[in-house]
């Protein structure tokens, strides 16, 4: 049995992954979710939590929003913490700019997951074509859904429906390919 241990900035990331990972991973891989209280808490306690993980045959994943920070600097800082903890093989992925960029990569999942009509057709609008370039996607998603989208409940509804093949978010694609490589699955 292999374990995938996910270190996450917020509960909404856990809810999204709970919808995505069962469709991506073989049943023999068990997932654990370590949720922090925001990005500062993640960075403050990540090395300690990595060092303290006791289950053998575990692979590690860290996901954090870019927000307004420099993506490369954030990733390098997290990788440094992983090295410090003795886990240099940890996969670090940054959601550009926020987790909600993944949702803009598949607006049909948003439409069905939130039970809202006429959202899918907005996928081809210029401002949504490159989801990772939306500066404040959580705010934009709240506007697009007239306030229906809420981070945790929305992630719980949308996650199981996100397309693993046709999502247009580059950071979502990088997350999936990174997980596949980390766990050596096709």
Foldseek 3Di string as FASTA:
>chain_A
DAEEEEEEFALLVVLLCVQAVVVQDDPVYHYHYHYAPHDVRCLVCVLVVLLPDDDPRYAYEYEEACQPHDPVVSQVSVCVSCVVSVRNRHHYAYQQHDPLLQCLLQVVLLCQLLVHPDRRVCNPPPVSVASSPPNDNVVVVCVSRVNSDDRRSSSNSRNNVRDQPRGNHPRSVVVSVSVCVRVVHD
